[in-house]
Amino acid sequence: MADFINVAESGEFVQVDINASGVFANATLAMADTANVMTVPSLQEITVNATPGIFRWKQLDVLSEKVVTTASTNNIESTFVLDPVTFFDGTGDTDGIFDIVNNKTLCYFRMYWQGTSSSDRYIEGSGYLSALAPTVSPDSPVWTSPVTIEVVGDFTSGSVA
């Protein structure tokens, strides 16, 4: 039987960290700047999209379509419960999520698949936050919002040291 990535045990939770405090050579250096790393709070759901583009064509001398890949569209879509510190104030020199979106600030991110313990896996990169749409209602009396990280370039994967 194969192992599964279980996120329902203590200490094995999905986590997204961002740093929008400045221009770094890569996400690894941005995540090392711990004073400016902010953890996105109270994630409710998350979807990682790594979708290469596809170009298809048909030829008269072949019975099936030809296919080649083009540049990928990569993003991370999530929904979270807002708190005033991460939404408005931020951490260190990293603005709050609202200002990062509003100012169109490039941020660096790291998404942990199953916690942040030694040898746990993550993906990281740089991108822009978008699709912010806070909502509240009588049936959901706390502010929640989707937020998407539109990735610039490729994801990079690694393991926690």
N, C-alpha and C. Protein backbone atom coordinates (compact mmCIF):
# COMPACT_ATOMS: atom_id res chain seq x y z
N MET A 1 0.84 -1.17 0.00
CA MET A 1 0.00 0.00 0.00
C MET A 1 0.89 1.24 0.00
N ALA A 2 0.51 2.23 -0.76
CA ALA A 2 1.28 3.46 -0.88
C ALA A 2 1.05 4.36 0.32
N ASP A 3 2.05 5.20 0.62
CA ASP A 3 1.88 6.22 1.65
C ASP A 3 1.07 7.37 1.07
N PHE A 4 0.40 8.09 1.93
CA PHE A 4 -0.41 9.22 1.51
C PHE A 4 0.08 10.47 2.22
N ILE A 5 -0.17 11.62 1.61
CA ILE A 5 0.16 12.89 2.25
C ILE A 5 -1.03 13.26 3.13
N ASN A 6 -0.94 12.92 4.40
CA ASN A 6 -2.02 13.13 5.36
C ASN A 6 -1.83 14.47 6.04
N VAL A 7 -2.84 15.33 5.98
CA VAL A 7 -2.74 16.64 6.62
C VAL A 7 -3.72 16.75 7.80
N ALA A 8 -4.22 15.62 8.28
CA ALA A 8 -5.22 15.62 9.35
C ALA A 8 -4.65 15.18 10.69
N GLU A 9 -3.32 15.12 10.82
CA GLU A 9 -2.71 14.77 12.09
C GLU A 9 -2.01 15.99 12.66
N SER A 10 -1.88 16.03 13.97
CA SER A 10 -1.25 17.15 14.65
C SER A 10 0.15 17.41 14.08
N GLY A 11 0.42 18.69 13.76
CA GLY A 11 1.73 19.08 13.26
C GLY A 11 1.94 18.81 11.78
N GLU A 12 0.96 18.26 11.11
CA GLU A 12 1.10 17.95 9.68
C GLU A 12 0.09 18.74 8.85
N PHE A 13 0.12 20.04 9.05
CA PHE A 13 -0.86 20.90 8.41
C PHE A 13 -0.25 21.62 7.21
N VAL A 14 -1.08 21.91 6.23
CA VAL A 14 -0.68 22.72 5.09
C VAL A 14 -0.42 24.14 5.61
N GLN A 15 0.62 24.76 5.09
CA GLN A 15 0.96 26.12 5.51
C GLN A 15 1.47 26.88 4.31
N VAL A 16 1.07 28.15 4.20
CA VAL A 16 1.58 29.03 3.15
C VAL A 16 2.23 30.23 3.82
N ASP A 17 3.51 30.45 3.51
CA ASP A 17 4.26 31.60 4.00
C ASP A 17 4.56 32.53 2.84
N ILE A 18 4.50 33.84 3.08
CA ILE A 18 4.84 34.81 2.05
C ILE A 18 5.79 35.86 2.62
N ASN A 19 6.60 36.43 1.74
CA ASN A 19 7.49 37.52 2.08
C ASN A 19 7.43 38.52 0.93
N ALA A 20 6.93 39.71 1.21
CA ALA A 20 6.83 40.75 0.18
C ALA A 20 7.64 41.98 0.59
N SER A 21 8.74 41.75 1.30
CA SER A 21 9.51 42.86 1.86
C SER A 21 10.56 43.44 0.93
N GLY A 22 10.83 42.77 -0.20
CA GLY A 22 11.85 43.29 -1.09
C GLY A 22 12.14 42.34 -2.23
N VAL A 23 13.12 42.67 -3.03
CA VAL A 23 13.50 41.85 -4.17
C VAL A 23 14.62 40.91 -3.73
N PHE A 24 14.39 39.63 -3.91
CA PHE A 24 15.37 38.61 -3.57
C PHE A 24 15.76 37.86 -4.83
N ALA A 25 16.87 37.16 -4.80
CA ALA A 25 17.29 36.36 -5.96
C ALA A 25 16.36 35.17 -6.16
N ASN A 26 15.78 34.65 -5.07
CA ASN A 26 14.87 33.51 -5.17
C ASN A 26 14.07 33.38 -3.89
N ALA A 27 13.10 32.46 -3.89
CA ALA A 27 12.22 32.28 -2.73
C ALA A 27 12.97 31.72 -1.53
N THR A 28 13.99 30.91 -1.76
CA THR A 28 14.75 30.35 -0.64
C THR A 28 15.38 31.46 0.19
N LEU A 29 15.96 32.47 -0.47
CA LEU A 29 16.54 33.60 0.25
C LEU A 29 15.46 34.43 0.94
N ALA A 30 14.31 34.59 0.29
CA ALA A 30 13.20 35.34 0.89
C ALA A 30 12.69 34.64 2.15
N MET A 31 12.61 33.32 2.14
CA MET A 31 12.12 32.58 3.30
C MET A 31 13.15 32.59 4.44
N ALA A 32 14.42 32.78 4.12
CA ALA A 32 15.46 32.87 5.15
C ALA A 32 15.38 34.20 5.91
N ASP A 33 14.74 35.20 5.31
CA ASP A 33 14.54 36.51 5.93
C ASP A 33 13.33 36.41 6.87
N THR A 34 13.48 35.63 7.95
CA THR A 34 12.34 35.22 8.78
C THR A 34 11.60 36.38 9.44
N ALA A 35 12.23 37.51 9.67
CA ALA A 35 11.55 38.64 10.30
C ALA A 35 10.44 39.19 9.41
N ASN A 36 10.50 38.91 8.11
CA ASN A 36 9.52 39.45 7.17
C ASN A 36 8.64 38.37 6.54
N VAL A 37 8.71 37.16 7.04
CA VAL A 37 7.87 36.06 6.54
C VAL A 37 6.56 36.04 7.31
N MET A 38 5.46 36.03 6.57
CA MET A 38 4.13 36.01 7.17
C MET A 38 3.41 34.72 6.76
N THR A 39 2.82 34.05 7.73
CA THR A 39 2.05 32.84 7.46
C THR A 39 0.61 33.24 7.18
N VAL A 40 0.06 32.79 6.06
CA VAL A 40 -1.35 33.06 5.74
C VAL A 40 -2.19 32.30 6.77
N PRO A 41 -3.08 32.99 7.49
CA PRO A 41 -3.79 32.36 8.59
C PRO A 41 -4.97 31.51 8.14
N SER A 42 -5.32 30.56 8.96
CA SER A 42 -6.60 29.86 8.91
C SER A 42 -7.01 29.42 7.51
N LEU A 43 -6.14 28.68 6.83
CA LEU A 43 -6.50 28.18 5.50
C LEU A 43 -7.69 27.23 5.60
N GLN A 44 -8.64 27.40 4.71
CA GLN A 44 -9.80 26.51 4.66
C GLN A 44 -9.66 25.50 3.54
N GLU A 45 -9.04 25.91 2.45
CA GLU A 45 -8.82 25.02 1.32
C GLU A 45 -7.70 25.58 0.48
N ILE A 46 -7.08 24.70 -0.30
CA ILE A 46 -5.98 25.14 -1.16
C ILE A 46 -5.92 24.23 -2.38
N THR A 47 -5.60 24.81 -3.53
CA THR A 47 -5.45 24.06 -4.78
C THR A 47 -4.18 24.54 -5.46
N VAL A 48 -3.32 23.61 -5.80
CA VAL A 48 -2.09 23.92 -6.54
C VAL A 48 -2.34 23.58 -8.01
N ASN A 49 -2.15 24.55 -8.88
CA ASN A 49 -2.32 24.35 -10.32
C ASN A 49 -0.98 24.48 -11.02
N ALA A 50 -0.55 23.42 -11.67
CA ALA A 50 0.65 23.43 -12.49
C ALA A 50 0.22 22.88 -13.85
N THR A 51 -0.13 23.77 -14.74
CA THR A 51 -0.79 23.37 -15.98
C THR A 51 0.00 23.81 -17.20
N PRO A 52 0.72 22.88 -17.83
CA PRO A 52 1.40 23.26 -19.07
C PRO A 52 0.38 23.57 -20.17
N GLY A 53 0.69 24.57 -20.96
CA GLY A 53 -0.16 24.86 -22.11
C GLY A 53 0.02 23.77 -23.16
N ILE A 54 -0.98 23.62 -24.00
CA ILE A 54 -0.96 22.58 -25.03
C ILE A 54 -1.28 23.22 -26.38
N PHE A 55 -0.47 22.88 -27.38
CA PHE A 55 -0.77 23.28 -28.75
C PHE A 55 -1.03 21.99 -29.53
N ARG A 56 -2.17 21.92 -30.18
CA ARG A 56 -2.56 20.72 -30.94
C ARG A 56 -2.73 21.08 -32.42
N TRP A 57 -2.43 20.12 -33.28
CA TRP A 57 -2.70 20.29 -34.70
C TRP A 57 -2.96 18.94 -35.35
N LYS A 58 -3.62 19.01 -36.48
CA LYS A 58 -3.94 17.81 -37.25
C LYS A 58 -3.21 17.88 -38.58
N GLN A 59 -2.79 16.71 -39.03
CA GLN A 59 -2.12 16.62 -40.32
C GLN A 59 -2.89 15.64 -41.19
N LEU A 60 -2.78 15.85 -42.49
CA LEU A 60 -3.50 14.97 -43.43
C LEU A 60 -2.87 13.59 -43.54
N ASP A 61 -1.62 13.44 -43.12
CA ASP A 61 -0.94 12.15 -43.25
C ASP A 61 -0.90 11.34 -41.95
N VAL A 62 -1.62 11.78 -40.91
CA VAL A 62 -1.62 11.10 -39.61
C VAL A 62 -3.06 10.98 -39.13
N LEU A 63 -3.39 9.83 -38.49
CA LEU A 63 -4.75 9.60 -38.03
C LEU A 63 -5.08 10.22 -36.67
N SER A 64 -4.06 10.65 -35.94
CA SER A 64 -4.29 11.24 -34.62
C SER A 64 -3.66 12.63 -34.55
N GLU A 65 -4.14 13.44 -33.60
CA GLU A 65 -3.61 14.79 -33.42
C GLU A 65 -2.17 14.76 -32.93
N LYS A 66 -1.43 15.78 -33.27
CA LYS A 66 -0.09 16.02 -32.74
C LYS A 66 -0.23 17.01 -31.57
N VAL A 67 0.65 16.88 -30.60
CA VAL A 67 0.58 17.74 -29.41
C VAL A 67 1.98 18.11 -28.98
N VAL A 68 2.17 19.38 -28.64
CA VAL A 68 3.39 19.83 -27.97
C VAL A 68 2.96 20.72 -26.81
N THR A 69 3.79 20.77 -25.79
CA THR A 69 3.48 21.64 -24.66
C THR A 69 4.07 23.02 -24.88
N THR A 70 3.42 23.99 -24.27
CA THR A 70 3.91 25.37 -24.27
C THR A 70 4.11 25.77 -22.81
N ALA A 71 4.36 27.02 -22.57
CA ALA A 71 4.63 27.50 -21.21
C ALA A 71 3.48 27.15 -20.25
N SER A 72 3.85 26.83 -19.01
CA SER A 72 2.87 26.46 -17.99
C SER A 72 2.22 27.69 -17.37
N THR A 73 1.00 27.51 -16.92
CA THR A 73 0.32 28.48 -16.08
C THR A 73 0.29 27.88 -14.69
N ASN A 74 0.98 28.52 -13.75
CA ASN A 74 1.10 28.00 -12.39
C ASN A 74 0.46 28.98 -11.41
N ASN A 75 -0.33 28.45 -10.49
CA ASN A 75 -0.86 29.28 -9.42
C ASN A 75 -1.29 28.42 -8.24
N ILE A 76 -1.51 29.08 -7.13
CA ILE A 76 -2.03 28.45 -5.92
C ILE A 76 -3.28 29.22 -5.53
N GLU A 77 -4.41 28.52 -5.49
CA GLU A 77 -5.67 29.13 -5.08
C GLU A 77 -6.01 28.66 -3.68
N SER A 78 -6.45 29.59 -2.84
CA SER A 78 -6.80 29.20 -1.47
C SER A 78 -7.93 30.07 -0.96
N THR A 79 -8.49 29.63 0.15
CA THR A 79 -9.49 30.40 0.88
C THR A 79 -9.03 30.43 2.33
N PHE A 80 -9.11 31.60 2.97
CA PHE A 80 -8.66 31.71 4.34
C PHE A 80 -9.61 32.60 5.14
N VAL A 81 -9.54 32.47 6.46
CA VAL A 81 -10.29 33.31 7.37
C VAL A 81 -9.42 34.50 7.71
N LEU A 82 -9.94 35.70 7.53
CA LEU A 82 -9.17 36.92 7.73
C LEU A 82 -8.91 37.19 9.20
N ASP A 83 -7.73 37.70 9.51
CA ASP A 83 -7.47 38.27 10.81
C ASP A 83 -6.86 39.65 10.57
N PRO A 84 -7.04 40.58 11.50
CA PRO A 84 -6.63 41.97 11.22
C PRO A 84 -5.13 42.16 11.03
N VAL A 85 -4.31 41.36 11.68
CA VAL A 85 -2.87 41.55 11.56
C VAL A 85 -2.38 41.18 10.17
N THR A 86 -2.64 39.95 9.73
CA THR A 86 -2.12 39.55 8.41
C THR A 86 -2.88 40.21 7.27
N PHE A 87 -4.14 40.56 7.46
CA PHE A 87 -4.89 41.18 6.38
C PHE A 87 -4.52 42.65 6.21
N PHE A 88 -4.36 43.39 7.32
CA PHE A 88 -4.11 44.83 7.22
C PHE A 88 -2.68 45.24 7.55
N ASP A 89 -2.09 44.66 8.58
CA ASP A 89 -0.81 45.15 9.09
C ASP A 89 0.41 44.45 8.51
N GLY A 90 0.39 43.13 8.43
CA GLY A 90 1.53 42.38 7.93
C GLY A 90 2.53 42.07 9.02
N THR A 91 3.72 41.65 8.61
CA THR A 91 4.79 41.22 9.52
C THR A 91 6.09 41.89 9.09
N GLY A 92 6.77 42.54 10.03
CA GLY A 92 8.04 43.18 9.69
C GLY A 92 7.84 44.17 8.56
N ASP A 93 8.63 44.03 7.49
CA ASP A 93 8.51 44.90 6.31
C ASP A 93 7.55 44.35 5.26
N THR A 94 6.89 43.24 5.55
CA THR A 94 5.90 42.68 4.63
C THR A 94 4.54 43.28 4.96
N ASP A 95 3.94 43.97 4.00
CA ASP A 95 2.61 44.56 4.20
C ASP A 95 1.59 43.48 4.45
N GLY A 96 0.40 43.91 4.86
CA GLY A 96 -0.72 42.98 4.99
C GLY A 96 -1.19 42.51 3.61
N ILE A 97 -1.95 41.44 3.59
CA ILE A 97 -2.40 40.85 2.33
C ILE A 97 -3.17 41.86 1.49
N PHE A 98 -4.02 42.69 2.11
CA PHE A 98 -4.77 43.68 1.34
C PHE A 98 -3.84 44.62 0.58
N ASP A 99 -2.81 45.14 1.27
CA ASP A 99 -1.89 46.09 0.62
C ASP A 99 -1.00 45.39 -0.42
N ILE A 100 -0.63 44.14 -0.18
CA ILE A 100 0.16 43.40 -1.18
C ILE A 100 -0.63 43.29 -2.48
N VAL A 101 -1.92 42.98 -2.38
CA VAL A 101 -2.77 42.88 -3.58
C VAL A 101 -2.98 44.27 -4.18
N ASN A 102 -3.37 45.23 -3.35
CA ASN A 102 -3.70 46.56 -3.82
C ASN A 102 -2.52 47.26 -4.48
N ASN A 103 -1.32 47.04 -3.95
CA ASN A 103 -0.12 47.68 -4.50
C ASN A 103 0.57 46.85 -5.58
N LYS A 104 0.02 45.69 -5.86
CA LYS A 104 0.59 44.80 -6.88
C LYS A 104 2.05 44.49 -6.59
N THR A 105 2.33 44.09 -5.35
CA THR A 105 3.68 43.83 -4.88
C THR A 105 4.08 42.39 -5.17
N LEU A 106 5.23 42.20 -5.78
CA LEU A 106 5.76 40.86 -5.98
C LEU A 106 6.05 40.25 -4.61
N CYS A 107 5.63 39.00 -4.41
CA CYS A 107 5.95 38.34 -3.15
C CYS A 107 6.58 36.98 -3.44
N TYR A 108 7.26 36.49 -2.46
CA TYR A 108 7.86 35.16 -2.51
C TYR A 108 7.05 34.28 -1.59
N PHE A 109 6.87 33.03 -1.95
CA PHE A 109 6.01 32.15 -1.17
C PHE A 109 6.65 30.79 -1.00
N ARG A 110 6.19 30.10 0.01
CA ARG A 110 6.52 28.69 0.21
C ARG A 110 5.26 28.02 0.74
N MET A 111 4.84 26.94 0.07
CA MET A 111 3.68 26.18 0.51
C MET A 111 4.15 24.82 1.00
N TYR A 112 3.93 24.55 2.27
CA TYR A 112 4.31 23.28 2.88
C TYR A 112 3.17 22.29 2.70
N TRP A 113 3.46 21.12 2.17
CA TRP A 113 2.44 20.11 1.87
C TRP A 113 1.91 19.43 3.13
N GLN A 114 2.78 19.25 4.13
CA GLN A 114 2.38 18.43 5.27
C GLN A 114 3.15 18.85 6.52
N GLY A 115 3.23 20.11 6.78
CA GLY A 115 3.94 20.58 7.97
C GLY A 115 5.31 21.13 7.66
N THR A 116 5.98 21.56 8.73
CA THR A 116 7.27 22.23 8.58
C THR A 116 8.38 21.52 9.34
N SER A 117 8.19 20.23 9.60
CA SER A 117 9.21 19.45 10.29
C SER A 117 10.32 19.05 9.33
N SER A 118 11.43 18.62 9.87
CA SER A 118 12.56 18.18 9.06
C SER A 118 12.12 17.14 8.05
N SER A 119 12.54 17.31 6.82
CA SER A 119 12.28 16.46 5.64
C SER A 119 10.87 16.61 5.07
N ASP A 120 10.00 17.47 5.66
CA ASP A 120 8.70 17.73 5.05
C ASP A 120 8.90 18.47 3.73
N ARG A 121 8.04 18.22 2.77
CA ARG A 121 8.18 18.77 1.41
C ARG A 121 7.46 20.12 1.27
N TYR A 122 7.98 20.94 0.36
CA TYR A 122 7.36 22.22 0.05
C TYR A 122 7.58 22.55 -1.43
N ILE A 123 6.78 23.51 -1.90
CA ILE A 123 7.05 24.15 -3.19
C ILE A 123 7.17 25.64 -2.90
N GLU A 124 7.93 26.33 -3.74
CA GLU A 124 8.13 27.76 -3.52
C GLU A 124 8.31 28.47 -4.85
N GLY A 125 8.28 29.78 -4.79
CA GLY A 125 8.48 30.58 -5.99
C GLY A 125 8.15 32.03 -5.70
N SER A 126 7.93 32.78 -6.75
CA SER A 126 7.53 34.19 -6.61
C SER A 126 6.27 34.40 -7.41
N GLY A 127 5.51 35.42 -7.04
CA GLY A 127 4.27 35.69 -7.75
C GLY A 127 3.54 36.89 -7.19
N TYR A 128 2.36 37.09 -7.70
CA TYR A 128 1.50 38.20 -7.28
C TYR A 128 0.23 37.63 -6.67
N LEU A 129 -0.22 38.26 -5.57
CA LEU A 129 -1.49 37.86 -4.97
C LEU A 129 -2.61 38.51 -5.76
N SER A 130 -3.67 37.74 -5.99
CA SER A 130 -4.82 38.27 -6.73
C SER A 130 -6.09 37.58 -6.25
N ALA A 131 -7.20 37.95 -6.85
CA ALA A 131 -8.52 37.34 -6.61
C ALA A 131 -9.01 37.51 -5.18
N LEU A 132 -8.54 38.54 -4.50
CA LEU A 132 -8.99 38.82 -3.15
C LEU A 132 -10.44 39.27 -3.20
N ALA A 133 -11.31 38.64 -2.44
CA ALA A 133 -12.74 38.97 -2.44
C ALA A 133 -13.34 38.64 -1.08
N PRO A 134 -13.05 39.45 -0.05
CA PRO A 134 -13.57 39.17 1.28
C PRO A 134 -15.10 39.17 1.31
N THR A 135 -15.64 38.25 2.09
CA THR A 135 -17.09 38.14 2.21
C THR A 135 -17.46 37.74 3.62
N VAL A 136 -18.64 38.16 4.04
CA VAL A 136 -19.19 37.80 5.33
C VAL A 136 -20.71 37.73 5.17
N SER A 137 -21.36 36.89 5.96
CA SER A 137 -22.82 36.76 5.88
C SER A 137 -23.34 36.26 7.23
N PRO A 138 -24.66 36.30 7.44
CA PRO A 138 -25.21 35.79 8.69
C PRO A 138 -24.90 34.31 8.92
N ASP A 139 -24.79 33.55 7.85
CA ASP A 139 -24.49 32.12 7.99
C ASP A 139 -23.00 31.85 8.12
N SER A 140 -22.18 32.82 7.78
CA SER A 140 -20.73 32.72 7.92
C SER A 140 -20.25 34.03 8.54
N PRO A 141 -20.34 34.15 9.88
CA PRO A 141 -20.16 35.45 10.53
C PRO A 141 -18.71 35.89 10.75
N VAL A 142 -17.76 35.27 10.07
CA VAL A 142 -16.38 35.76 10.08
C VAL A 142 -15.99 36.05 8.63
N TRP A 143 -15.12 37.02 8.44
CA TRP A 143 -14.68 37.36 7.10
C TRP A 143 -13.81 36.24 6.53
N THR A 144 -14.13 35.80 5.34
CA THR A 144 -13.31 34.84 4.62
C THR A 144 -13.02 35.43 3.24
N SER A 145 -11.96 34.93 2.61
CA SER A 145 -11.64 35.43 1.27
C SER A 145 -10.84 34.40 0.50
N PRO A 146 -11.11 34.32 -0.79
CA PRO A 146 -10.17 33.58 -1.64
C PRO A 146 -8.96 34.47 -1.86
N VAL A 147 -7.83 33.86 -2.15
CA VAL A 147 -6.64 34.58 -2.59
C VAL A 147 -5.86 33.63 -3.48
N THR A 148 -5.37 34.13 -4.58
CA THR A 148 -4.61 33.34 -5.53
C THR A 148 -3.20 33.90 -5.62
N ILE A 149 -2.22 33.00 -5.64
CA ILE A 149 -0.85 33.41 -5.94
C ILE A 149 -0.62 33.08 -7.40
N GLU A 150 -0.50 34.10 -8.24
CA GLU A 150 -0.21 33.91 -9.66
C GLU A 150 1.30 33.81 -9.80
N VAL A 151 1.80 32.62 -10.06
CA VAL A 151 3.24 32.34 -10.01
C VAL A 151 3.94 32.91 -11.24
N VAL A 152 5.06 33.58 -10.97
CA VAL A 152 5.93 34.07 -12.03
C VAL A 152 6.95 32.96 -12.30
N GLY A 153 6.86 32.31 -13.43
CA GLY A 153 7.81 31.24 -13.74
C GLY A 153 7.40 29.91 -13.15
N ASP A 154 8.40 29.14 -12.74
CA ASP A 154 8.18 27.77 -12.29
C ASP A 154 8.09 27.66 -10.78
N PHE A 155 7.44 26.59 -10.33
CA PHE A 155 7.54 26.18 -8.93
C PHE A 155 8.92 25.54 -8.75
N THR A 156 9.47 25.64 -7.55
CA THR A 156 10.65 24.91 -7.14
C THR A 156 10.26 24.07 -5.95
N SER A 157 10.70 22.84 -5.90
CA SER A 157 10.35 21.99 -4.75
C SER A 157 11.59 21.72 -3.91
N GLY A 158 11.33 21.41 -2.65
CA GLY A 158 12.42 21.11 -1.74
C GLY A 158 11.91 20.43 -0.49
N SER A 159 12.82 20.20 0.44
CA SER A 159 12.51 19.58 1.73
C SER A 159 13.04 20.47 2.84
N VAL A 160 12.31 20.51 3.94
CA VAL A 160 12.75 21.27 5.11
C VAL A 160 14.02 20.64 5.64
N ALA A 161 15.02 21.46 5.94
CA ALA A 161 16.30 20.97 6.45
C ALA A 161 16.17 20.42 7.86
